[in-house]
Amino acid sequence: MRIELGPESVESEKLLPENRDDGSGIGINYADAYIKPFKRILDDGRKVLCKRRGLKLTLTVGDRKGEGLMRRLEHGPDAKRILREALVQAATEAGFRFEVRDGQMFLEE
């Protein structure tokens, strides 16, 4: 089953560390703006939600949950890659696969 999360946020790119310094070194403001559109309720009634607390992302789809860490040393210094790798890790733990194709974000079971 494929879940469409919507388009990648173009507005969030204004918050990348090279455009607007947030002092975190990994683009926390960018991450918050990027994951905001994940919040939704699917047709089958399951809730999709992605939250950030510190460096940890928690992706929830219904009763399935996964966590990912934003790791600057391993995936940096590019804030986009740091966030993408954390989302992939969280989705994998929840039993999904996260991918972006043609500017659209998807979760696949």
N, C-alpha and C. Protein backbone atom coordinates (compact mmCIF):
# COMPACT_ATOMS: atom_id res chain seq x y z
N MET A 1 0.84 -1.18 0.00
CA MET A 1 0.00 0.00 0.00
C MET A 1 0.88 1.24 0.00
N ARG A 2 0.55 2.20 -0.80
CA ARG A 2 1.30 3.44 -0.92
C ARG A 2 0.50 4.58 -0.31
N ILE A 3 1.17 5.31 0.59
CA ILE A 3 0.55 6.46 1.24
C ILE A 3 1.23 7.71 0.72
N GLU A 4 0.45 8.59 0.12
CA GLU A 4 1.00 9.85 -0.38
C GLU A 4 0.94 10.89 0.73
N LEU A 5 2.10 11.43 1.07
CA LEU A 5 2.19 12.44 2.13
C LEU A 5 2.08 13.86 1.60
N GLY A 6 2.14 14.02 0.30
CA GLY A 6 2.04 15.34 -0.30
C GLY A 6 3.36 15.81 -0.88
N PRO A 7 3.37 17.02 -1.40
CA PRO A 7 4.60 17.54 -2.01
C PRO A 7 5.63 17.94 -0.97
N GLU A 8 6.90 17.88 -1.38
CA GLU A 8 7.96 18.38 -0.52
C GLU A 8 7.75 19.88 -0.31
N SER A 9 8.00 20.34 0.88
CA SER A 9 7.79 21.74 1.21
C SER A 9 8.89 22.61 0.63
N VAL A 10 8.53 23.45 -0.32
CA VAL A 10 9.49 24.38 -0.92
C VAL A 10 9.76 25.53 0.04
N GLU A 11 8.76 25.88 0.82
CA GLU A 11 8.91 26.96 1.80
C GLU A 11 9.94 26.61 2.87
N SER A 12 10.07 25.33 3.20
CA SER A 12 11.01 24.92 4.24
C SER A 12 12.46 25.15 3.83
N GLU A 13 12.73 25.19 2.51
CA GLU A 13 14.10 25.40 2.05
C GLU A 13 14.63 26.78 2.41
N LYS A 14 13.75 27.72 2.68
CA LYS A 14 14.18 29.04 3.13
C LYS A 14 14.81 28.97 4.52
N LEU A 15 14.53 27.89 5.24
CA LEU A 15 15.02 27.72 6.62
C LEU A 15 16.27 26.86 6.71
N LEU A 16 16.85 26.47 5.57
CA LEU A 16 18.10 25.72 5.59
C LEU A 16 19.19 26.55 6.25
N PRO A 17 20.15 25.90 6.92
CA PRO A 17 21.20 26.64 7.64
C PRO A 17 21.99 27.62 6.77
N GLU A 18 22.17 27.30 5.50
CA GLU A 18 22.92 28.23 4.63
C GLU A 18 22.12 29.48 4.30
N ASN A 19 20.79 29.43 4.44
CA ASN A 19 19.93 30.58 4.18
C ASN A 19 19.58 31.36 5.44
N ARG A 20 19.41 30.62 6.54
CA ARG A 20 19.02 31.25 7.80
C ARG A 20 19.58 30.41 8.95
N ASP A 21 20.56 30.93 9.64
CA ASP A 21 21.24 30.19 10.69
C ASP A 21 20.30 29.97 11.87
N ASP A 22 20.24 28.71 12.34
CA ASP A 22 19.43 28.41 13.51
C ASP A 22 20.27 27.97 14.70
N GLY A 23 21.58 27.89 14.53
CA GLY A 23 22.48 27.57 15.62
C GLY A 23 22.58 26.08 15.93
N SER A 24 21.79 25.25 15.29
CA SER A 24 21.80 23.82 15.61
C SER A 24 22.87 23.05 14.84
N GLY A 25 23.21 23.52 13.66
CA GLY A 25 24.17 22.82 12.82
C GLY A 25 23.55 21.72 11.97
N ILE A 26 22.28 21.40 12.22
CA ILE A 26 21.62 20.35 11.42
C ILE A 26 20.31 20.80 10.80
N GLY A 27 19.93 22.05 10.99
CA GLY A 27 18.72 22.57 10.36
C GLY A 27 17.44 22.17 11.07
N ILE A 28 17.37 22.42 12.36
CA ILE A 28 16.18 22.07 13.14
C ILE A 28 14.94 22.79 12.61
N ASN A 29 15.06 24.08 12.31
CA ASN A 29 13.90 24.83 11.79
C ASN A 29 13.45 24.27 10.45
N TYR A 30 14.39 23.88 9.61
CA TYR A 30 14.08 23.25 8.32
C TYR A 30 13.34 21.93 8.55
N ALA A 31 13.82 21.12 9.49
CA ALA A 31 13.19 19.83 9.77
C ALA A 31 11.76 20.00 10.25
N ASP A 32 11.54 20.96 11.14
CA ASP A 32 10.19 21.20 11.65
C ASP A 32 9.23 21.60 10.53
N ALA A 33 9.69 22.48 9.65
CA ALA A 33 8.84 22.92 8.54
C ALA A 33 8.61 21.79 7.54
N TYR A 34 9.60 20.94 7.33
CA TYR A 34 9.51 19.85 6.36
C TYR A 34 8.52 18.78 6.80
N ILE A 35 8.52 18.44 8.10
CA ILE A 35 7.66 17.35 8.57
C ILE A 35 6.25 17.79 8.93
N LYS A 36 6.00 19.08 8.93
CA LYS A 36 4.67 19.59 9.29
C LYS A 36 3.54 19.01 8.44
N PRO A 37 3.70 18.88 7.11
CA PRO A 37 2.59 18.34 6.29
C PRO A 37 2.32 16.85 6.49
N PHE A 38 3.14 16.14 7.27
CA PHE A 38 2.92 14.72 7.47
C PHE A 38 1.64 14.45 8.26
N LYS A 39 1.20 15.40 9.05
CA LYS A 39 0.04 15.20 9.92
C LYS A 39 -1.23 15.11 9.08
N ARG A 40 -1.84 13.94 9.12
CA ARG A 40 -3.07 13.71 8.35
C ARG A 40 -3.78 12.45 8.83
N ILE A 41 -5.00 12.27 8.42
CA ILE A 41 -5.76 11.05 8.70
C ILE A 41 -6.04 10.38 7.36
N LEU A 42 -5.66 9.12 7.25
CA LEU A 42 -5.84 8.37 6.01
C LEU A 42 -7.30 7.96 5.83
N ASP A 43 -7.63 7.53 4.62
CA ASP A 43 -9.00 7.11 4.31
C ASP A 43 -9.46 5.95 5.19
N ASP A 44 -8.53 5.08 5.60
CA ASP A 44 -8.90 3.95 6.44
C ASP A 44 -8.95 4.30 7.93
N GLY A 45 -8.77 5.60 8.27
CA GLY A 45 -8.89 6.05 9.64
C GLY A 45 -7.60 6.12 10.43
N ARG A 46 -6.49 5.63 9.87
CA ARG A 46 -5.21 5.69 10.57
C ARG A 46 -4.65 7.11 10.54
N LYS A 47 -4.03 7.49 11.64
CA LYS A 47 -3.39 8.81 11.71
C LYS A 47 -1.93 8.68 11.32
N VAL A 48 -1.44 9.66 10.56
CA VAL A 48 -0.03 9.76 10.21
C VAL A 48 0.49 11.01 10.89
N LEU A 49 1.59 10.87 11.61
CA LEU A 49 2.14 11.97 12.36
C LEU A 49 3.65 11.82 12.46
N CYS A 50 4.36 12.91 12.33
CA CYS A 50 5.81 12.91 12.51
C CYS A 50 6.14 14.05 13.47
N LYS A 51 6.81 13.70 14.57
CA LYS A 51 7.18 14.70 15.57
C LYS A 51 8.68 14.69 15.77
N ARG A 52 9.20 15.84 16.16
CA ARG A 52 10.61 15.97 16.48
C ARG A 52 10.76 16.39 17.93
N ARG A 53 11.65 15.73 18.62
CA ARG A 53 12.00 16.11 19.98
C ARG A 53 13.52 16.02 20.08
N GLY A 54 14.15 17.18 20.12
CA GLY A 54 15.61 17.20 20.08
C GLY A 54 16.08 16.73 18.72
N LEU A 55 16.93 15.74 18.71
CA LEU A 55 17.45 15.19 17.45
C LEU A 55 16.67 13.97 16.97
N LYS A 56 15.65 13.57 17.73
CA LYS A 56 14.91 12.35 17.42
C LYS A 56 13.59 12.67 16.71
N LEU A 57 13.36 11.96 15.61
CA LEU A 57 12.08 12.03 14.90
C LEU A 57 11.28 10.78 15.23
N THR A 58 10.00 10.95 15.45
CA THR A 58 9.10 9.82 15.69
C THR A 58 8.01 9.85 14.63
N LEU A 59 7.95 8.80 13.82
CA LEU A 59 6.95 8.67 12.77
C LEU A 59 5.92 7.65 13.23
N THR A 60 4.66 8.05 13.22
CA THR A 60 3.58 7.18 13.66
C THR A 60 2.56 7.03 12.52
N VAL A 61 2.22 5.79 12.20
CA VAL A 61 1.17 5.50 11.22
C VAL A 61 0.25 4.50 11.89
N GLY A 62 -0.93 4.98 12.32
CA GLY A 62 -1.85 4.11 13.06
C GLY A 62 -1.21 3.71 14.37
N ASP A 63 -1.07 2.40 14.59
CA ASP A 63 -0.45 1.91 15.82
C ASP A 63 1.01 1.53 15.62
N ARG A 64 1.57 1.79 14.45
CA ARG A 64 2.97 1.49 14.16
C ARG A 64 3.82 2.74 14.36
N LYS A 65 4.97 2.56 15.00
CA LYS A 65 5.81 3.69 15.34
C LYS A 65 7.27 3.37 15.06
N GLY A 66 7.99 4.38 14.56
CA GLY A 66 9.42 4.23 14.33
C GLY A 66 10.15 5.51 14.69
N GLU A 67 11.41 5.38 15.06
CA GLU A 67 12.21 6.53 15.44
C GLU A 67 13.47 6.61 14.59
N GLY A 68 13.89 7.84 14.34
CA GLY A 68 15.12 8.08 13.60
C GLY A 68 15.87 9.24 14.23
N LEU A 69 17.19 9.19 14.18
CA LEU A 69 18.02 10.25 14.72
C LEU A 69 18.65 11.07 13.61
N MET A 70 18.67 12.37 13.80
CA MET A 70 19.34 13.26 12.86
C MET A 70 20.81 13.31 13.27
N ARG A 71 21.66 12.69 12.45
CA ARG A 71 23.08 12.53 12.78
C ARG A 71 23.94 13.40 11.85
N ARG A 72 24.49 14.47 12.40
CA ARG A 72 25.31 15.39 11.62
C ARG A 72 26.64 14.76 11.24
N LEU A 73 27.29 14.06 12.17
CA LEU A 73 28.60 13.49 11.89
C LEU A 73 28.54 12.39 10.85
N GLU A 74 27.48 11.60 10.86
CA GLU A 74 27.36 10.48 9.93
C GLU A 74 26.82 10.90 8.56
N HIS A 75 25.86 11.84 8.53
CA HIS A 75 25.18 12.19 7.28
C HIS A 75 25.40 13.64 6.86
N GLY A 76 26.08 14.44 7.66
CA GLY A 76 26.21 15.87 7.41
C GLY A 76 27.28 16.20 6.40
N PRO A 77 27.46 17.44 6.12
CA PRO A 77 26.86 18.62 6.73
C PRO A 77 25.56 19.07 6.05
N ASP A 78 25.12 18.37 5.02
CA ASP A 78 23.90 18.76 4.29
C ASP A 78 22.66 18.48 5.14
N ALA A 79 21.93 19.53 5.51
CA ALA A 79 20.74 19.40 6.37
C ALA A 79 19.65 18.57 5.71
N LYS A 80 19.54 18.64 4.39
CA LYS A 80 18.52 17.85 3.68
C LYS A 80 18.80 16.36 3.83
N ARG A 81 20.07 15.98 3.67
CA ARG A 81 20.44 14.57 3.78
C ARG A 81 20.29 14.07 5.21
N ILE A 82 20.65 14.90 6.19
CA ILE A 82 20.50 14.53 7.60
C ILE A 82 19.05 14.19 7.90
N LEU A 83 18.14 15.05 7.47
CA LEU A 83 16.71 14.83 7.71
C LEU A 83 16.20 13.62 6.93
N ARG A 84 16.59 13.50 5.68
CA ARG A 84 16.11 12.39 4.84
C ARG A 84 16.53 11.05 5.44
N GLU A 85 17.76 10.94 5.89
CA GLU A 85 18.23 9.69 6.49
C GLU A 85 17.48 9.37 7.78
N ALA A 86 17.16 10.38 8.58
CA ALA A 86 16.39 10.17 9.82
C ALA A 86 14.98 9.70 9.48
N LEU A 87 14.38 10.26 8.44
CA LEU A 87 13.03 9.84 8.03
C LEU A 87 13.04 8.41 7.49
N VAL A 88 14.07 8.06 6.74
CA VAL A 88 14.19 6.69 6.23
C VAL A 88 14.31 5.72 7.39
N GLN A 89 15.13 6.06 8.38
CA GLN A 89 15.31 5.20 9.55
C GLN A 89 13.99 5.05 10.33
N ALA A 90 13.28 6.13 10.55
CA ALA A 90 12.01 6.08 11.29
C ALA A 90 10.97 5.26 10.52
N ALA A 91 10.90 5.46 9.22
CA ALA A 91 9.93 4.71 8.41
C ALA A 91 10.26 3.22 8.40
N THR A 92 11.53 2.88 8.32
CA THR A 92 11.94 1.49 8.32
C THR A 92 11.56 0.81 9.63
N GLU A 93 11.79 1.49 10.75
CA GLU A 93 11.42 0.94 12.05
C GLU A 93 9.91 0.72 12.17
N ALA A 94 9.14 1.56 11.49
CA ALA A 94 7.68 1.44 11.54
C ALA A 94 7.15 0.43 10.53
N GLY A 95 8.04 -0.10 9.69
CA GLY A 95 7.62 -1.10 8.70
C GLY A 95 7.24 -0.49 7.36
N PHE A 96 7.73 0.69 7.08
CA PHE A 96 7.44 1.37 5.82
C PHE A 96 8.74 1.72 5.11
N ARG A 97 8.60 2.21 3.90
CA ARG A 97 9.74 2.72 3.15
C ARG A 97 9.41 4.15 2.75
N PHE A 98 10.28 5.09 3.13
CA PHE A 98 10.07 6.50 2.80
C PHE A 98 10.82 6.81 1.53
N GLU A 99 10.15 7.49 0.60
CA GLU A 99 10.83 7.92 -0.63
C GLU A 99 10.21 9.21 -1.15
N VAL A 100 11.03 9.92 -1.91
CA VAL A 100 10.58 11.15 -2.55
C VAL A 100 10.80 10.96 -4.04
N ARG A 101 9.72 11.14 -4.79
CA ARG A 101 9.77 10.99 -6.24
C ARG A 101 9.10 12.18 -6.90
N ASP A 102 9.81 12.87 -7.75
CA ASP A 102 9.27 14.02 -8.49
C ASP A 102 8.65 15.05 -7.56
N GLY A 103 9.28 15.28 -6.41
CA GLY A 103 8.80 16.29 -5.48
C GLY A 103 7.65 15.86 -4.60
N GLN A 104 7.22 14.60 -4.70
CA GLN A 104 6.14 14.06 -3.87
C GLN A 104 6.73 13.07 -2.85
N MET A 105 6.22 13.12 -1.62
CA MET A 105 6.69 12.23 -0.56
C MET A 105 5.70 11.06 -0.41
N PHE A 106 6.27 9.84 -0.25
CA PHE A 106 5.47 8.63 -0.14
C PHE A 106 5.98 7.73 0.98
N LEU A 107 5.06 6.98 1.55
CA LEU A 107 5.38 5.86 2.44
C LEU A 107 4.81 4.62 1.78
N GLU A 108 5.61 3.56 1.70
CA GLU A 108 5.13 2.30 1.13
C GLU A 108 5.26 1.19 2.15
N GLU A 109 4.20 0.37 2.25
CA GLU A 109 4.24 -0.77 3.17
C GLU A 109 4.93 -1.92 2.53
